[in-house]
Amino acid sequence: RLLCFIGFIFLVVSSEASRIHVERRRFSSKPLS
C-alpha cells in the first residue's frame, strides 16, 4: 500500500514538473524585450 502511495506521488510530481517545464519553455520562447 505504501509503495502504491509513493508511486502516485511520483506520478503527480512528474506531471507537475513536465507541465511547469512546458510553461517555462513557452515563456522563454517569447522575446524578453
PDB file of N, CA and C in Angstrom:
ATOM      1  N   ARG A   1       0.841  -1.205   0.000  1.00  0.00           N
ATOM      2  CA  ARG A   1       0.000   0.000   0.000  1.00  0.00           C
ATOM      3  C   ARG A   1       0.879   1.260   0.000  1.00  0.00           C
ATOM      4  N   LEU A   2       1.953   1.220   0.781  1.00  0.00           N
ATOM      5  CA  LEU A   2       2.855   2.372   0.835  1.00  0.00           C
ATOM      6  C   LEU A   2       3.533   2.588  -0.511  1.00  0.00           C
ATOM      7  N   LEU A   3       3.905   1.471  -1.150  1.00  0.00           N
ATOM      8  CA  LEU A   3       4.568   1.588  -2.454  1.00  0.00           C
ATOM      9  C   LEU A   3       3.615   2.207  -3.478  1.00  0.00           C
ATOM     10  N   CYS A   4       2.343   1.837  -3.409  1.00  0.00           N
ATOM     11  CA  CYS A   4       1.349   2.392  -4.342  1.00  0.00           C
ATOM     12  C   CYS A   4       1.197   3.894  -4.103  1.00  0.00           C
ATOM     13  N   PHE A   5       1.205   4.287  -2.834  1.00  0.00           N
ATOM     14  CA  PHE A   5       1.084   5.702  -2.490  1.00  0.00           C
ATOM     15  C   PHE A   5       2.282   6.481  -3.016  1.00  0.00           C
ATOM     16  N   ILE A   6       3.487   5.909  -2.860  1.00  0.00           N
ATOM     17  CA  ILE A   6       4.702   6.560  -3.358  1.00  0.00           C
ATOM     18  C   ILE A   6       4.636   6.684  -4.876  1.00  0.00           C
ATOM     19  N   GLY A   7       4.134   5.653  -5.532  1.00  0.00           N
ATOM     20  CA  GLY A   7       4.020   5.686  -6.994  1.00  0.00           C
ATOM     21  C   GLY A   7       3.066   6.789  -7.437  1.00  0.00           C
ATOM     22  N   PHE A   8       1.970   6.961  -6.688  1.00  0.00           N
ATOM     23  CA  PHE A   8       1.003   8.008  -7.018  1.00  0.00           C
ATOM     24  C   PHE A   8       1.631   9.391  -6.849  1.00  0.00           C
ATOM     25  N   ILE A   9       2.387   9.562  -5.766  1.00  0.00           N
ATOM     26  CA  ILE A   9       3.061  10.841  -5.519  1.00  0.00           C
ATOM     27  C   ILE A   9       4.053  11.129  -6.635  1.00  0.00           C
ATOM     28  N   PHE A  10       4.804  10.104  -7.052  1.00  0.00           N
ATOM     29  CA  PHE A  10       5.798  10.282  -8.113  1.00  0.00           C
ATOM     30  C   PHE A  10       5.113  10.681  -9.419  1.00  0.00           C
ATOM     31  N   LEU A  11       3.962  10.073  -9.691  1.00  0.00           N
ATOM     32  CA  LEU A  11       3.235  10.383 -10.930  1.00  0.00           C
ATOM     33  C   LEU A  11       2.767  11.841 -10.923  1.00  0.00           C
ATOM     34  N   VAL A  12       2.235  12.290  -9.796  1.00  0.00           N
ATOM     35  CA  VAL A  12       1.757  13.674  -9.691  1.00  0.00           C
ATOM     36  C   VAL A  12       2.923  14.650  -9.828  1.00  0.00           C
ATOM     37  N   VAL A  13       4.023  14.352  -9.148  1.00  0.00           N
ATOM     38  CA  VAL A  13       5.190  15.241  -9.197  1.00  0.00           C
ATOM     39  C   VAL A  13       5.746  15.317 -10.612  1.00  0.00           C
ATOM     40  N   SER A  14       5.818  14.171 -11.293  1.00  0.00           N
ATOM     41  CA  SER A  14       6.369  14.158 -12.655  1.00  0.00           C
ATOM     42  C   SER A  14       5.462  14.937 -13.604  1.00  0.00           C
ATOM     43  N   SER A  15       4.147  14.802 -13.447  1.00  0.00           N
ATOM     44  CA  SER A  15       3.215  15.523 -14.321  1.00  0.00           C
ATOM     45  C   SER A  15       3.311  17.024 -14.067  1.00  0.00           C
ATOM     46  N   GLU A  16       3.416  17.411 -12.801  1.00  0.00           N
ATOM     47  CA  GLU A  16       3.541  18.828 -12.469  1.00  0.00           C
ATOM     48  C   GLU A  16       4.844  19.390 -13.018  1.00  0.00           C
ATOM     49  N   ALA A  17       5.932  18.624 -12.888  1.00  0.00           N
ATOM     50  CA  ALA A  17       7.235  19.086 -13.374  1.00  0.00           C
ATOM     51  C   ALA A  17       7.214  19.264 -14.884  1.00  0.00           C
ATOM     52  N   SER A  18       6.577  18.320 -15.587  1.00  0.00           N
ATOM     53  CA  SER A  18       6.535  18.414 -17.051  1.00  0.00           C
ATOM     54  C   SER A  18       5.690  19.614 -17.472  1.00  0.00           C
ATOM     55  N   ARG A  19       4.595  19.868 -16.752  1.00  0.00           N
ATOM     56  CA  ARG A  19       3.735  20.996 -17.100  1.00  0.00           C
ATOM     57  C   ARG A  19       4.469  22.315 -16.868  1.00  0.00           C
ATOM     58  N   ILE A  20       5.204  22.401 -15.752  1.00  0.00           N
ATOM     59  CA  ILE A  20       5.967  23.618 -15.455  1.00  0.00           C
ATOM     60  C   ILE A  20       7.064  23.809 -16.492  1.00  0.00           C
ATOM     61  N   HIS A  21       7.676  22.709 -16.939  1.00  0.00           N
ATOM     62  CA  HIS A  21       8.740  22.799 -17.937  1.00  0.00           C
ATOM     63  C   HIS A  21       8.185  23.345 -19.246  1.00  0.00           C
ATOM     64  N   VAL A  22       7.007  22.881 -19.643  1.00  0.00           N
ATOM     65  CA  VAL A  22       6.390  23.349 -20.892  1.00  0.00           C
ATOM     66  C   VAL A  22       6.051  24.833 -20.777  1.00  0.00           C
ATOM     67  N   GLU A  23       5.493  25.230 -19.633  1.00  0.00           N
ATOM     68  CA  GLU A  23       5.141  26.638 -19.441  1.00  0.00           C
ATOM     69  C   GLU A  23       6.388  27.510 -19.486  1.00  0.00           C
ATOM     70  N   ARG A  24       7.470  27.051 -18.840  1.00  0.00           N
ATOM     71  CA  ARG A  24       8.713  27.822 -18.808  1.00  0.00           C
ATOM     72  C   ARG A  24       9.300  27.923 -20.210  1.00  0.00           C
ATOM     73  N   ARG A  25       9.233  26.831 -20.981  1.00  0.00           N
ATOM     74  CA  ARG A  25       9.787  26.841 -22.335  1.00  0.00           C
ATOM     75  C   ARG A  25       8.986  27.809 -23.211  1.00  0.00           C
ATOM     76  N   ARG A  26       7.664  27.813 -23.051  1.00  0.00           N
ATOM     77  CA  ARG A  26       6.820  28.707 -23.837  1.00  0.00           C
ATOM     78  C   ARG A  26       7.113  30.162 -23.466  1.00  0.00           C
ATOM     79  N   PHE A  27       7.373  30.405 -22.172  1.00  0.00           N
ATOM     80  CA  PHE A  27       7.658  31.756 -21.700  1.00  0.00           C
ATOM     81  C   PHE A  27       9.026  32.222 -22.204  1.00  0.00           C
ATOM     82  N   SER A  28      10.001  31.315 -22.217  1.00  0.00           N
ATOM     83  CA  SER A  28      11.351  31.678 -22.656  1.00  0.00           C
ATOM     84  C   SER A  28      11.379  31.892 -24.165  1.00  0.00           C
ATOM     85  N   SER A  29      10.482  31.215 -24.901  1.00  0.00           N
ATOM     86  CA  SER A  29      10.462  31.362 -26.355  1.00  0.00           C
ATOM     87  C   SER A  29       9.967  32.756 -26.741  1.00  0.00           C
ATOM     88  N   LYS A  30       9.218  33.384 -25.816  1.00  0.00           N
ATOM     89  CA  LYS A  30       8.727  34.734 -26.082  1.00  0.00           C
ATOM     90  C   LYS A  30       9.875  35.733 -25.944  1.00  0.00           C
ATOM     91  N   PRO A  31       9.959  36.753 -26.785  1.00  0.00           N
ATOM     92  CA  PRO A  31      11.024  37.759 -26.675  1.00  0.00           C
ATOM     93  C   PRO A  31      10.923  38.501 -25.351  1.00  0.00           C
ATOM     94  N   LEU A  32      12.040  38.666 -24.680  1.00  0.00           N
ATOM     95  CA  LEU A  32      12.040  39.279 -23.363  1.00  0.00           C
ATOM     96  C   LEU A  32      11.742  40.774 -23.471  1.00  0.00           C
ATOM     97  N   SER A  33      12.363  41.468 -24.414  1.00  0.00           N
ATOM     98  CA  SER A  33      12.177  42.920 -24.527  1.00  0.00           C
ATOM     99  C   SER A  33      10.985  43.246 -25.418  1.00  0.00           C
TER     100      SER A  33
END
